[in-house]
Amino acid sequence: MSCSLRFSVTKYSSCRFFAFLLLLLALPLPAQRSDSALSDKEVEQLRESAYYPNDRILLFIKLLDARDKSIHDLFAHPRKPGREEDTHDLLEQFTSIADELNDNLDDYRFHHRDIRKSLPRLLNAAERWTSDIKSPAENNSYGVSRKLALEAIRDIREEATRLIGDQNAWFAAHPPPKDAVKDAAEAPR
């Protein structure tokens, strides 16, 4: 009887071990967690604007303006505990969104998407973001994040400036058909 009891306990222990092992494997690793800079609603808005490059750029401007305003608000009001950490997190979000915008600009350049209407607004916004992000006092807790955000803005500004010239030259040499321009303006959104 003791032999069969020992076998049952051993079998039960090994089953518990394998169940524990499966549970451990099912849990996401820290690198797999979704720490997205965008909310689900913002992701959905970006998906909806995917077929309208000018609208998508304007949406990116809106998203970056929201992060910029949140950073400004942290320093406009009396200091609250955790302000530096919040600033760091918002700057990280800002950089992530700015990098995504820059990737979109690269794609629009490659595919010759007409984004001439939104580029001047993007350049104006980039100037505003640069001055706003530089305005909080230096702090070690968000200094690197601020530097990365400023580099991302610089990349956007350089790409937008280059795109203005490229777009003007491309569409002067390859004007879109008049029907395509009319259809694009009347397309349902």
N, C-alpha and C. Protein backbone atom coordinates (compact mmCIF):
# COMPACT_ATOMS: atom_id res chain seq x y z
N MET A 1 0.83 -1.18 0.00
CA MET A 1 0.00 0.00 0.00
C MET A 1 0.87 1.24 0.00
N SER A 2 1.94 1.24 0.73
CA SER A 2 2.79 2.42 0.78
C SER A 2 3.45 2.69 -0.56
N CYS A 3 3.70 1.65 -1.33
CA CYS A 3 4.31 1.83 -2.65
C CYS A 3 3.34 2.55 -3.58
N SER A 4 2.08 2.18 -3.57
CA SER A 4 1.10 2.84 -4.44
C SER A 4 0.82 4.26 -3.96
N LEU A 5 0.87 4.49 -2.64
CA LEU A 5 0.68 5.84 -2.11
C LEU A 5 1.83 6.75 -2.53
N ARG A 6 3.06 6.21 -2.48
CA ARG A 6 4.22 6.98 -2.89
C ARG A 6 4.12 7.31 -4.38
N PHE A 7 3.67 6.36 -5.19
CA PHE A 7 3.51 6.60 -6.62
C PHE A 7 2.46 7.68 -6.87
N SER A 8 1.36 7.69 -6.13
CA SER A 8 0.32 8.71 -6.30
C SER A 8 0.83 10.09 -5.91
N VAL A 9 1.57 10.17 -4.81
CA VAL A 9 2.10 11.46 -4.38
C VAL A 9 3.11 11.98 -5.39
N THR A 10 3.95 11.11 -5.90
CA THR A 10 4.95 11.50 -6.90
C THR A 10 4.25 11.94 -8.17
N LYS A 11 3.25 11.21 -8.59
CA LYS A 11 2.50 11.57 -9.80
C LYS A 11 1.81 12.92 -9.61
N TYR A 12 1.20 13.11 -8.42
CA TYR A 12 0.52 14.37 -8.12
C TYR A 12 1.51 15.53 -8.11
N SER A 13 2.69 15.34 -7.55
CA SER A 13 3.72 16.38 -7.49
C SER A 13 4.21 16.74 -8.88
N SER A 14 4.41 15.73 -9.71
CA SER A 14 4.90 16.02 -11.06
C SER A 14 3.83 16.75 -11.88
N CYS A 15 2.56 16.41 -11.66
CA CYS A 15 1.48 17.12 -12.36
C CYS A 15 1.43 18.58 -11.93
N ARG A 16 1.58 18.81 -10.63
CA ARG A 16 1.61 20.19 -10.13
C ARG A 16 2.79 20.95 -10.70
N PHE A 17 3.93 20.27 -10.79
CA PHE A 17 5.13 20.91 -11.33
C PHE A 17 4.90 21.32 -12.79
N PHE A 18 4.35 20.41 -13.59
CA PHE A 18 4.11 20.73 -15.00
C PHE A 18 3.04 21.80 -15.17
N ALA A 19 2.03 21.80 -14.32
CA ALA A 19 1.02 22.85 -14.37
C ALA A 19 1.65 24.20 -14.03
N PHE A 20 2.51 24.21 -13.03
CA PHE A 20 3.21 25.44 -12.66
C PHE A 20 4.11 25.91 -13.80
N LEU A 21 4.81 24.97 -14.43
CA LEU A 21 5.70 25.29 -15.55
C LEU A 21 4.90 25.88 -16.72
N LEU A 22 3.76 25.30 -17.03
CA LEU A 22 2.92 25.83 -18.10
C LEU A 22 2.41 27.23 -17.79
N LEU A 23 2.03 27.45 -16.54
CA LEU A 23 1.58 28.77 -16.12
C LEU A 23 2.70 29.79 -16.27
N LEU A 24 3.90 29.41 -15.90
CA LEU A 24 5.05 30.31 -16.01
C LEU A 24 5.33 30.66 -17.47
N LEU A 25 5.23 29.67 -18.34
CA LEU A 25 5.48 29.91 -19.76
C LEU A 25 4.39 30.77 -20.41
N ALA A 26 3.19 30.71 -19.87
CA ALA A 26 2.08 31.47 -20.43
C ALA A 26 2.14 32.95 -20.06
N LEU A 27 2.81 33.29 -18.96
CA LEU A 27 2.90 34.68 -18.54
C LEU A 27 3.82 35.46 -19.48
N PRO A 28 3.47 36.69 -19.82
CA PRO A 28 4.34 37.46 -20.71
C PRO A 28 5.59 37.91 -19.99
N LEU A 29 6.67 37.93 -20.72
CA LEU A 29 7.91 38.45 -20.18
C LEU A 29 7.84 39.97 -20.16
N PRO A 30 8.68 40.63 -19.35
CA PRO A 30 8.63 42.10 -19.29
C PRO A 30 8.79 42.76 -20.66
N ALA A 31 9.62 42.19 -21.52
CA ALA A 31 9.82 42.78 -22.84
C ALA A 31 8.61 42.59 -23.74
N GLN A 32 7.71 41.66 -23.38
CA GLN A 32 6.54 41.41 -24.21
C GLN A 32 5.34 42.24 -23.81
N ARG A 33 5.41 42.89 -22.67
CA ARG A 33 4.27 43.67 -22.22
C ARG A 33 4.02 44.84 -23.15
N SER A 34 2.78 45.20 -23.28
CA SER A 34 2.41 46.29 -24.16
C SER A 34 2.45 47.62 -23.41
N ASP A 35 3.52 48.34 -23.56
CA ASP A 35 3.64 49.66 -22.96
C ASP A 35 3.53 50.69 -24.07
N SER A 36 2.42 50.65 -24.77
CA SER A 36 2.22 51.50 -25.92
C SER A 36 2.09 52.96 -25.51
N ALA A 37 2.62 53.80 -26.35
CA ALA A 37 2.49 55.24 -26.12
C ALA A 37 1.10 55.73 -26.51
N LEU A 38 0.35 54.90 -27.20
CA LEU A 38 -0.96 55.28 -27.69
C LEU A 38 -2.06 54.50 -26.96
N SER A 39 -3.16 55.17 -26.73
CA SER A 39 -4.33 54.49 -26.17
C SER A 39 -5.00 53.68 -27.27
N ASP A 40 -5.91 52.82 -26.89
CA ASP A 40 -6.65 52.03 -27.89
C ASP A 40 -7.43 52.94 -28.82
N LYS A 41 -8.01 54.00 -28.28
CA LYS A 41 -8.77 54.95 -29.10
C LYS A 41 -7.86 55.64 -30.12
N GLU A 42 -6.65 56.01 -29.69
CA GLU A 42 -5.72 56.67 -30.60
C GLU A 42 -5.25 55.71 -31.70
N VAL A 43 -5.03 54.46 -31.33
CA VAL A 43 -4.64 53.46 -32.33
C VAL A 43 -5.75 53.30 -33.36
N GLU A 44 -6.98 53.27 -32.89
CA GLU A 44 -8.12 53.14 -33.80
C GLU A 44 -8.21 54.35 -34.74
N GLN A 45 -7.98 55.54 -34.20
CA GLN A 45 -8.01 56.75 -35.03
C GLN A 45 -6.92 56.67 -36.11
N LEU A 46 -5.75 56.19 -35.75
CA LEU A 46 -4.68 56.06 -36.74
C LEU A 46 -5.03 55.03 -37.80
N ARG A 47 -5.67 53.96 -37.40
CA ARG A 47 -6.10 52.95 -38.38
C ARG A 47 -7.10 53.55 -39.37
N GLU A 48 -8.05 54.33 -38.82
CA GLU A 48 -9.07 54.92 -39.69
C GLU A 48 -8.48 55.94 -40.66
N SER A 49 -7.39 56.59 -40.28
CA SER A 49 -6.80 57.60 -41.15
C SER A 49 -5.71 57.04 -42.06
N ALA A 50 -5.53 55.74 -42.06
CA ALA A 50 -4.43 55.13 -42.81
C ALA A 50 -4.49 55.41 -44.31
N TYR A 51 -5.69 55.57 -44.87
CA TYR A 51 -5.83 55.77 -46.31
C TYR A 51 -5.84 57.24 -46.70
N TYR A 52 -5.71 58.12 -45.73
CA TYR A 52 -5.72 59.57 -45.98
C TYR A 52 -4.45 60.17 -45.37
N PRO A 53 -3.36 60.19 -46.14
CA PRO A 53 -2.07 60.62 -45.58
C PRO A 53 -2.09 62.00 -44.92
N ASN A 54 -2.74 62.98 -45.53
CA ASN A 54 -2.79 64.31 -44.90
C ASN A 54 -3.51 64.26 -43.54
N ASP A 55 -4.62 63.54 -43.50
CA ASP A 55 -5.36 63.41 -42.24
C ASP A 55 -4.53 62.68 -41.19
N ARG A 56 -3.78 61.69 -41.63
CA ARG A 56 -2.95 60.92 -40.70
C ARG A 56 -1.86 61.79 -40.09
N ILE A 57 -1.24 62.61 -40.91
CA ILE A 57 -0.22 63.51 -40.39
C ILE A 57 -0.83 64.51 -39.41
N LEU A 58 -2.00 65.04 -39.76
CA LEU A 58 -2.67 65.97 -38.85
C LEU A 58 -3.06 65.28 -37.54
N LEU A 59 -3.42 64.01 -37.61
CA LEU A 59 -3.73 63.26 -36.40
C LEU A 59 -2.46 63.07 -35.55
N PHE A 60 -1.35 62.76 -36.20
CA PHE A 60 -0.09 62.65 -35.46
C PHE A 60 0.25 63.98 -34.77
N ILE A 61 0.02 65.07 -35.47
CA ILE A 61 0.26 66.39 -34.86
C ILE A 61 -0.62 66.56 -33.63
N LYS A 62 -1.87 66.16 -33.75
CA LYS A 62 -2.81 66.26 -32.62
C LYS A 62 -2.33 65.41 -31.44
N LEU A 63 -1.89 64.19 -31.71
CA LEU A 63 -1.42 63.30 -30.65
C LEU A 63 -0.17 63.85 -29.96
N LEU A 64 0.75 64.39 -30.76
CA LEU A 64 1.96 64.97 -30.19
C LEU A 64 1.65 66.25 -29.44
N ASP A 65 0.70 67.03 -29.95
CA ASP A 65 0.27 68.23 -29.22
C ASP A 65 -0.31 67.87 -27.85
N ALA A 66 -1.06 66.78 -27.78
CA ALA A 66 -1.64 66.36 -26.50
C ALA A 66 -0.54 66.01 -25.49
N ARG A 67 0.51 65.28 -25.95
CA ARG A 67 1.62 64.96 -25.04
C ARG A 67 2.37 66.22 -24.64
N ASP A 68 2.55 67.11 -25.60
CA ASP A 68 3.24 68.38 -25.34
C ASP A 68 2.47 69.21 -24.31
N LYS A 69 1.17 69.26 -24.46
CA LYS A 69 0.33 70.01 -23.52
C LYS A 69 0.39 69.39 -22.12
N SER A 70 0.39 68.06 -22.06
CA SER A 70 0.47 67.38 -20.76
C SER A 70 1.78 67.71 -20.06
N ILE A 71 2.86 67.75 -20.81
CA ILE A 71 4.16 68.12 -20.22
C ILE A 71 4.11 69.56 -19.74
N HIS A 72 3.56 70.44 -20.57
CA HIS A 72 3.45 71.85 -20.18
C HIS A 72 2.62 72.01 -18.92
N ASP A 73 1.51 71.28 -18.84
CA ASP A 73 0.62 71.36 -17.67
C ASP A 73 1.32 70.90 -16.39
N LEU A 74 2.22 69.92 -16.50
CA LEU A 74 2.94 69.47 -15.31
C LEU A 74 3.76 70.59 -14.68
N PHE A 75 4.26 71.48 -15.52
CA PHE A 75 5.12 72.56 -15.01
C PHE A 75 4.37 73.87 -14.83
N ALA A 76 3.16 73.97 -15.36
CA ALA A 76 2.37 75.20 -15.23
C ALA A 76 1.69 75.28 -13.87
N HIS A 77 1.47 74.15 -13.26
CA HIS A 77 0.78 74.09 -11.97
C HIS A 77 1.80 73.87 -10.86
N PRO A 78 1.41 74.08 -9.62
CA PRO A 78 2.34 73.81 -8.52
C PRO A 78 2.86 72.37 -8.59
N ARG A 79 4.12 72.22 -8.18
CA ARG A 79 4.78 70.92 -8.27
C ARG A 79 4.04 69.88 -7.45
N LYS A 80 3.84 68.72 -8.09
CA LYS A 80 3.23 67.58 -7.41
C LYS A 80 4.27 66.46 -7.34
N PRO A 81 4.17 65.60 -6.34
CA PRO A 81 5.10 64.47 -6.26
C PRO A 81 5.02 63.61 -7.52
N GLY A 82 6.16 63.18 -8.00
CA GLY A 82 6.21 62.34 -9.20
C GLY A 82 6.22 63.10 -10.50
N ARG A 83 6.35 64.41 -10.44
CA ARG A 83 6.32 65.21 -11.67
C ARG A 83 7.44 64.81 -12.62
N GLU A 84 8.64 64.57 -12.09
CA GLU A 84 9.77 64.23 -12.95
C GLU A 84 9.55 62.88 -13.64
N GLU A 85 8.99 61.92 -12.91
CA GLU A 85 8.72 60.61 -13.51
C GLU A 85 7.62 60.73 -14.57
N ASP A 86 6.61 61.54 -14.27
CA ASP A 86 5.55 61.75 -15.26
C ASP A 86 6.11 62.43 -16.51
N THR A 87 6.99 63.39 -16.31
CA THR A 87 7.63 64.07 -17.45
C THR A 87 8.43 63.08 -18.27
N HIS A 88 9.18 62.23 -17.59
CA HIS A 88 9.96 61.20 -18.28
C HIS A 88 9.05 60.32 -19.13
N ASP A 89 7.95 59.85 -18.53
CA ASP A 89 7.03 58.96 -19.25
C ASP A 89 6.39 59.66 -20.45
N LEU A 90 5.98 60.91 -20.27
CA LEU A 90 5.37 61.66 -21.38
C LEU A 90 6.38 61.92 -22.50
N LEU A 91 7.62 62.19 -22.13
CA LEU A 91 8.66 62.39 -23.15
C LEU A 91 8.93 61.09 -23.91
N GLU A 92 8.89 59.96 -23.20
CA GLU A 92 9.05 58.67 -23.86
C GLU A 92 7.90 58.43 -24.85
N GLN A 93 6.68 58.74 -24.42
CA GLN A 93 5.53 58.60 -25.32
C GLN A 93 5.68 59.52 -26.52
N PHE A 94 6.07 60.76 -26.27
CA PHE A 94 6.25 61.73 -27.33
C PHE A 94 7.24 61.20 -28.36
N THR A 95 8.37 60.69 -27.89
CA THR A 95 9.41 60.18 -28.79
C THR A 95 8.90 58.99 -29.59
N SER A 96 8.17 58.10 -28.96
CA SER A 96 7.64 56.94 -29.65
C SER A 96 6.68 57.35 -30.77
N ILE A 97 5.79 58.29 -30.47
CA ILE A 97 4.84 58.75 -31.48
C ILE A 97 5.56 59.52 -32.59
N ALA A 98 6.54 60.33 -32.22
CA ALA A 98 7.31 61.09 -33.22
C ALA A 98 8.07 60.15 -34.14
N ASP A 99 8.64 59.08 -33.59
CA ASP A 99 9.34 58.10 -34.42
C ASP A 99 8.37 57.42 -35.39
N GLU A 100 7.18 57.12 -34.92
CA GLU A 100 6.17 56.51 -35.78
C GLU A 100 5.77 57.48 -36.91
N LEU A 101 5.62 58.74 -36.58
CA LEU A 101 5.32 59.75 -37.59
C LEU A 101 6.45 59.82 -38.62
N ASN A 102 7.68 59.80 -38.14
CA ASN A 102 8.81 59.87 -39.06
C ASN A 102 8.84 58.65 -39.98
N ASP A 103 8.49 57.47 -39.46
CA ASP A 103 8.40 56.28 -40.31
C ASP A 103 7.32 56.46 -41.39
N ASN A 104 6.21 57.06 -41.00
CA ASN A 104 5.14 57.32 -41.98
C ASN A 104 5.61 58.29 -43.05
N LEU A 105 6.35 59.32 -42.65
CA LEU A 105 6.86 60.29 -43.63
C LEU A 105 7.79 59.60 -44.62
N ASP A 106 8.64 58.70 -44.11
CA ASP A 106 9.53 57.95 -45.00
C ASP A 106 8.72 57.12 -46.00
N ASP A 107 7.66 56.50 -45.51
CA ASP A 107 6.81 55.68 -46.38
C ASP A 107 6.10 56.55 -47.42
N TYR A 108 5.60 57.70 -47.00
CA TYR A 108 4.92 58.60 -47.93
C TYR A 108 5.88 59.12 -48.99
N ARG A 109 7.13 59.34 -48.63
CA ARG A 109 8.13 59.78 -49.60
C ARG A 109 8.34 58.68 -50.64
N PHE A 110 8.53 57.46 -50.17
CA PHE A 110 8.81 56.34 -51.06
C PHE A 110 7.65 56.09 -52.03
N HIS A 111 6.42 56.20 -51.55
CA HIS A 111 5.25 55.93 -52.38
C HIS A 111 4.67 57.18 -53.04
N HIS A 112 5.32 58.30 -52.88
CA HIS A 112 4.89 59.57 -53.49
C HIS A 112 3.45 59.92 -53.14
N ARG A 113 3.12 59.82 -51.88
CA ARG A 113 1.79 60.24 -51.41
C ARG A 113 1.77 61.76 -51.32
N ASP A 114 0.70 62.35 -51.73
CA ASP A 114 0.58 63.81 -51.73
C ASP A 114 0.22 64.30 -50.32
N ILE A 115 1.21 64.83 -49.64
CA ILE A 115 1.01 65.34 -48.28
C ILE A 115 1.41 66.81 -48.20
N ARG A 116 1.35 67.49 -49.33
CA ARG A 116 1.79 68.89 -49.37
C ARG A 116 0.97 69.79 -48.47
N LYS A 117 -0.30 69.49 -48.26
CA LYS A 117 -1.15 70.36 -47.43
C LYS A 117 -0.76 70.30 -45.96
N SER A 118 -0.34 69.15 -45.49
CA SER A 118 -0.06 68.99 -44.06
C SER A 118 1.38 69.32 -43.67
N LEU A 119 2.29 69.36 -44.62
CA LEU A 119 3.70 69.58 -44.28
C LEU A 119 3.98 70.95 -43.65
N PRO A 120 3.39 72.05 -44.14
CA PRO A 120 3.65 73.33 -43.45
C PRO A 120 3.16 73.33 -42.00
N ARG A 121 2.02 72.71 -41.75
CA ARG A 121 1.53 72.63 -40.37
C ARG A 121 2.45 71.77 -39.51
N LEU A 122 3.02 70.73 -40.11
CA LEU A 122 3.96 69.88 -39.39
C LEU A 122 5.22 70.65 -39.02
N LEU A 123 5.71 71.44 -39.95
CA LEU A 123 6.91 72.25 -39.65
C LEU A 123 6.64 73.25 -38.53
N ASN A 124 5.48 73.91 -38.58
CA ASN A 124 5.12 74.85 -37.50
C ASN A 124 5.02 74.14 -36.16
N ALA A 125 4.41 72.97 -36.17
CA ALA A 125 4.27 72.21 -34.93
C ALA A 125 5.63 71.77 -34.40
N ALA A 126 6.53 71.37 -35.28
CA ALA A 126 7.86 70.94 -34.85
C ALA A 126 8.61 72.08 -34.16
N GLU A 127 8.47 73.28 -34.67
CA GLU A 127 9.10 74.44 -34.01
C GLU A 127 8.51 74.66 -32.63
N ARG A 128 7.20 74.55 -32.53
CA ARG A 128 6.52 74.74 -31.25
C ARG A 128 6.94 73.67 -30.25
N TRP A 129 6.99 72.41 -30.71
CA TRP A 129 7.37 71.31 -29.82
C TRP A 129 8.79 71.48 -29.31
N THR A 130 9.68 71.93 -30.18
CA THR A 130 11.07 72.11 -29.77
C THR A 130 11.17 73.10 -28.61
N SER A 131 10.53 74.24 -28.76
CA SER A 131 10.60 75.25 -27.69
C SER A 131 9.89 74.78 -26.43
N ASP A 132 8.77 74.09 -26.57
CA ASP A 132 8.04 73.61 -25.40
C ASP A 132 8.81 72.53 -24.64
N ILE A 133 9.45 71.64 -25.36
CA ILE A 133 10.18 70.54 -24.70
C ILE A 133 11.45 71.07 -24.04
N LYS A 134 12.01 72.13 -24.58
CA LYS A 134 13.20 72.72 -23.95
C LYS A 134 12.86 73.55 -22.72
N SER A 135 11.61 73.95 -22.55
CA SER A 135 11.26 74.91 -21.50
C SER A 135 11.39 74.39 -20.07
N PRO A 136 11.06 73.14 -19.72
CA PRO A 136 11.26 72.72 -18.33
C PRO A 136 12.75 72.73 -17.96
N ALA A 137 13.02 73.00 -16.70
CA ALA A 137 14.40 73.05 -16.22
C ALA A 137 15.06 71.67 -16.38
N GLU A 138 16.38 71.69 -16.50
CA GLU A 138 17.13 70.45 -16.63
C GLU A 138 16.91 69.58 -15.39
N ASN A 139 16.80 68.27 -15.63
CA ASN A 139 16.66 67.34 -14.52
C ASN A 139 17.19 65.99 -14.98
N ASN A 140 17.95 65.32 -14.13
CA ASN A 140 18.55 64.04 -14.50
C ASN A 140 17.52 62.95 -14.75
N SER A 141 16.36 63.04 -14.12
CA SER A 141 15.37 61.97 -14.27
C SER A 141 14.73 61.96 -15.66
N TYR A 142 14.73 63.07 -16.36
CA TYR A 142 14.16 63.08 -17.72
C TYR A 142 15.08 63.73 -18.75
N GLY A 143 16.32 63.95 -18.42
CA GLY A 143 17.26 64.58 -19.34
C GLY A 143 17.50 63.78 -20.61
N VAL A 144 17.70 62.48 -20.48
CA VAL A 144 17.94 61.63 -21.65
C VAL A 144 16.68 61.55 -22.51
N SER A 145 15.54 61.41 -21.85
CA SER A 145 14.27 61.33 -22.60
C SER A 145 14.02 62.62 -23.37
N ARG A 146 14.35 63.76 -22.75
CA ARG A 146 14.17 65.03 -23.44
C ARG A 146 15.09 65.11 -24.65
N LYS A 147 16.34 64.68 -24.48
CA LYS A 147 17.29 64.70 -25.60
C LYS A 147 16.78 63.84 -26.76
N LEU A 148 16.25 62.66 -26.45
CA LEU A 148 15.72 61.78 -27.49
C LEU A 148 14.50 62.39 -28.17
N ALA A 149 13.64 63.05 -27.39
CA ALA A 149 12.46 63.70 -27.97
C ALA A 149 12.89 64.83 -28.91
N LEU A 150 13.88 65.61 -28.49
CA LEU A 150 14.36 66.71 -29.34
C LEU A 150 15.00 66.18 -30.62
N GLU A 151 15.71 65.06 -30.53
CA GLU A 151 16.29 64.45 -31.73
C GLU A 151 15.18 63.96 -32.67
N ALA A 152 14.13 63.39 -32.11
CA ALA A 152 13.01 62.92 -32.94
C ALA A 152 12.33 64.10 -33.64
N ILE A 153 12.18 65.22 -32.92
CA ILE A 153 11.59 66.42 -33.54
C ILE A 153 12.50 66.93 -34.65
N ARG A 154 13.80 66.93 -34.39
CA ARG A 154 14.75 67.39 -35.41
C ARG A 154 14.63 66.52 -36.66
N ASP A 155 14.53 65.20 -36.47
CA ASP A 155 14.38 64.30 -37.62
C ASP A 155 13.09 64.58 -38.40
N ILE A 156 12.01 64.84 -37.68
CA ILE A 156 10.74 65.17 -38.34
C ILE A 156 10.89 66.46 -39.13
N ARG A 157 11.49 67.47 -38.53
CA ARG A 157 11.66 68.76 -39.20
C ARG A 157 12.50 68.61 -40.46
N GLU A 158 13.60 67.85 -40.36
CA GLU A 158 14.46 67.64 -41.54
C GLU A 158 13.72 66.89 -42.64
N GLU A 159 12.99 65.85 -42.25
CA GLU A 159 12.26 65.05 -43.23
C GLU A 159 11.14 65.88 -43.88
N ALA A 160 10.43 66.66 -43.09
CA ALA A 160 9.34 67.48 -43.64
C ALA A 160 9.91 68.54 -44.60
N THR A 161 11.02 69.14 -44.23
CA THR A 161 11.65 70.15 -45.09
C THR A 161 12.07 69.51 -46.42
N ARG A 162 12.67 68.34 -46.34
CA ARG A 162 13.09 67.63 -47.55
C ARG A 162 11.88 67.23 -48.39
N LEU A 163 10.82 66.78 -47.72
CA LEU A 163 9.62 66.34 -48.43
C LEU A 163 8.93 67.47 -49.17
N ILE A 164 8.96 68.67 -48.62
CA ILE A 164 8.32 69.80 -49.30
C ILE A 164 8.94 69.98 -50.68
N GLY A 165 10.25 70.00 -50.74
CA GLY A 165 10.94 70.13 -52.04
C GLY A 165 10.69 68.94 -52.94
N ASP A 166 10.79 67.74 -52.38
CA ASP A 166 10.58 66.53 -53.18
C ASP A 166 9.16 66.45 -53.72
N GLN A 167 8.19 66.77 -52.85
CA GLN A 167 6.78 66.68 -53.27
C GLN A 167 6.49 67.71 -54.37
N ASN A 168 6.97 68.92 -54.19
CA ASN A 168 6.73 69.95 -55.21
C ASN A 168 7.34 69.53 -56.55
N ALA A 169 8.55 68.99 -56.53
CA ALA A 169 9.20 68.56 -57.77
C ALA A 169 8.47 67.36 -58.37
N TRP A 170 8.11 66.38 -57.56
CA TRP A 170 7.44 65.18 -58.07
C TRP A 170 6.09 65.51 -58.70
N PHE A 171 5.29 66.30 -57.99
CA PHE A 171 3.94 66.57 -58.50
C PHE A 171 3.95 67.62 -59.62
N ALA A 172 5.02 68.37 -59.76
CA ALA A 172 5.15 69.24 -60.92
C ALA A 172 5.45 68.39 -62.16
N ALA A 173 6.27 67.35 -61.97
CA ALA A 173 6.61 66.46 -63.09
C ALA A 173 5.53 65.42 -63.34
N HIS A 174 4.77 65.06 -62.33
CA HIS A 174 3.74 64.03 -62.43
C HIS A 174 2.43 64.54 -61.83
N PRO A 175 1.79 65.47 -62.50
CA PRO A 175 0.54 66.00 -61.91
C PRO A 175 -0.52 64.91 -61.84
N PRO A 176 -1.25 64.88 -60.73
CA PRO A 176 -2.31 63.89 -60.63
C PRO A 176 -3.43 64.21 -61.61
N PRO A 177 -4.10 63.19 -62.13
CA PRO A 177 -5.22 63.45 -63.04
C PRO A 177 -6.30 64.26 -62.32
N LYS A 178 -6.96 65.13 -63.05
CA LYS A 178 -7.97 66.00 -62.44
C LYS A 178 -9.10 65.20 -61.81
N ASP A 179 -9.49 64.08 -62.43
CA ASP A 179 -10.54 63.24 -61.87
C ASP A 179 -10.09 62.64 -60.54
N ALA A 180 -8.81 62.27 -60.42
CA ALA A 180 -8.31 61.67 -59.18
C ALA A 180 -8.32 62.69 -58.05
N VAL A 181 -8.01 63.94 -58.36
CA VAL A 181 -8.03 64.99 -57.34
C VAL A 181 -9.45 65.24 -56.88
N LYS A 182 -10.39 65.29 -57.83
CA LYS A 182 -11.79 65.50 -57.49
C LYS A 182 -12.33 64.33 -56.68
N ASP A 183 -12.01 63.09 -57.11
CA ASP A 183 -12.48 61.90 -56.39
C ASP A 183 -11.91 61.84 -54.99
N ALA A 184 -10.67 62.22 -54.83
CA ALA A 184 -10.03 62.19 -53.49
C ALA A 184 -10.69 63.21 -52.57
N ALA A 185 -11.07 64.34 -53.12
CA ALA A 185 -11.71 65.38 -52.30
C ALA A 185 -13.13 64.96 -51.88
N GLU A 186 -13.79 64.18 -52.74
CA GLU A 186 -15.16 63.77 -52.46
C GLU A 186 -15.27 62.40 -51.80
N ALA A 187 -14.14 61.75 -51.54
CA ALA A 187 -14.16 60.40 -50.98
C ALA A 187 -14.83 60.41 -49.61
N PRO A 188 -15.65 59.40 -49.35
CA PRO A 188 -16.31 59.33 -48.03
C PRO A 188 -15.29 59.03 -46.94
N ARG A 189 -15.52 59.61 -45.78
CA ARG A 189 -14.58 59.38 -44.67
C ARG A 189 -15.28 58.81 -43.51
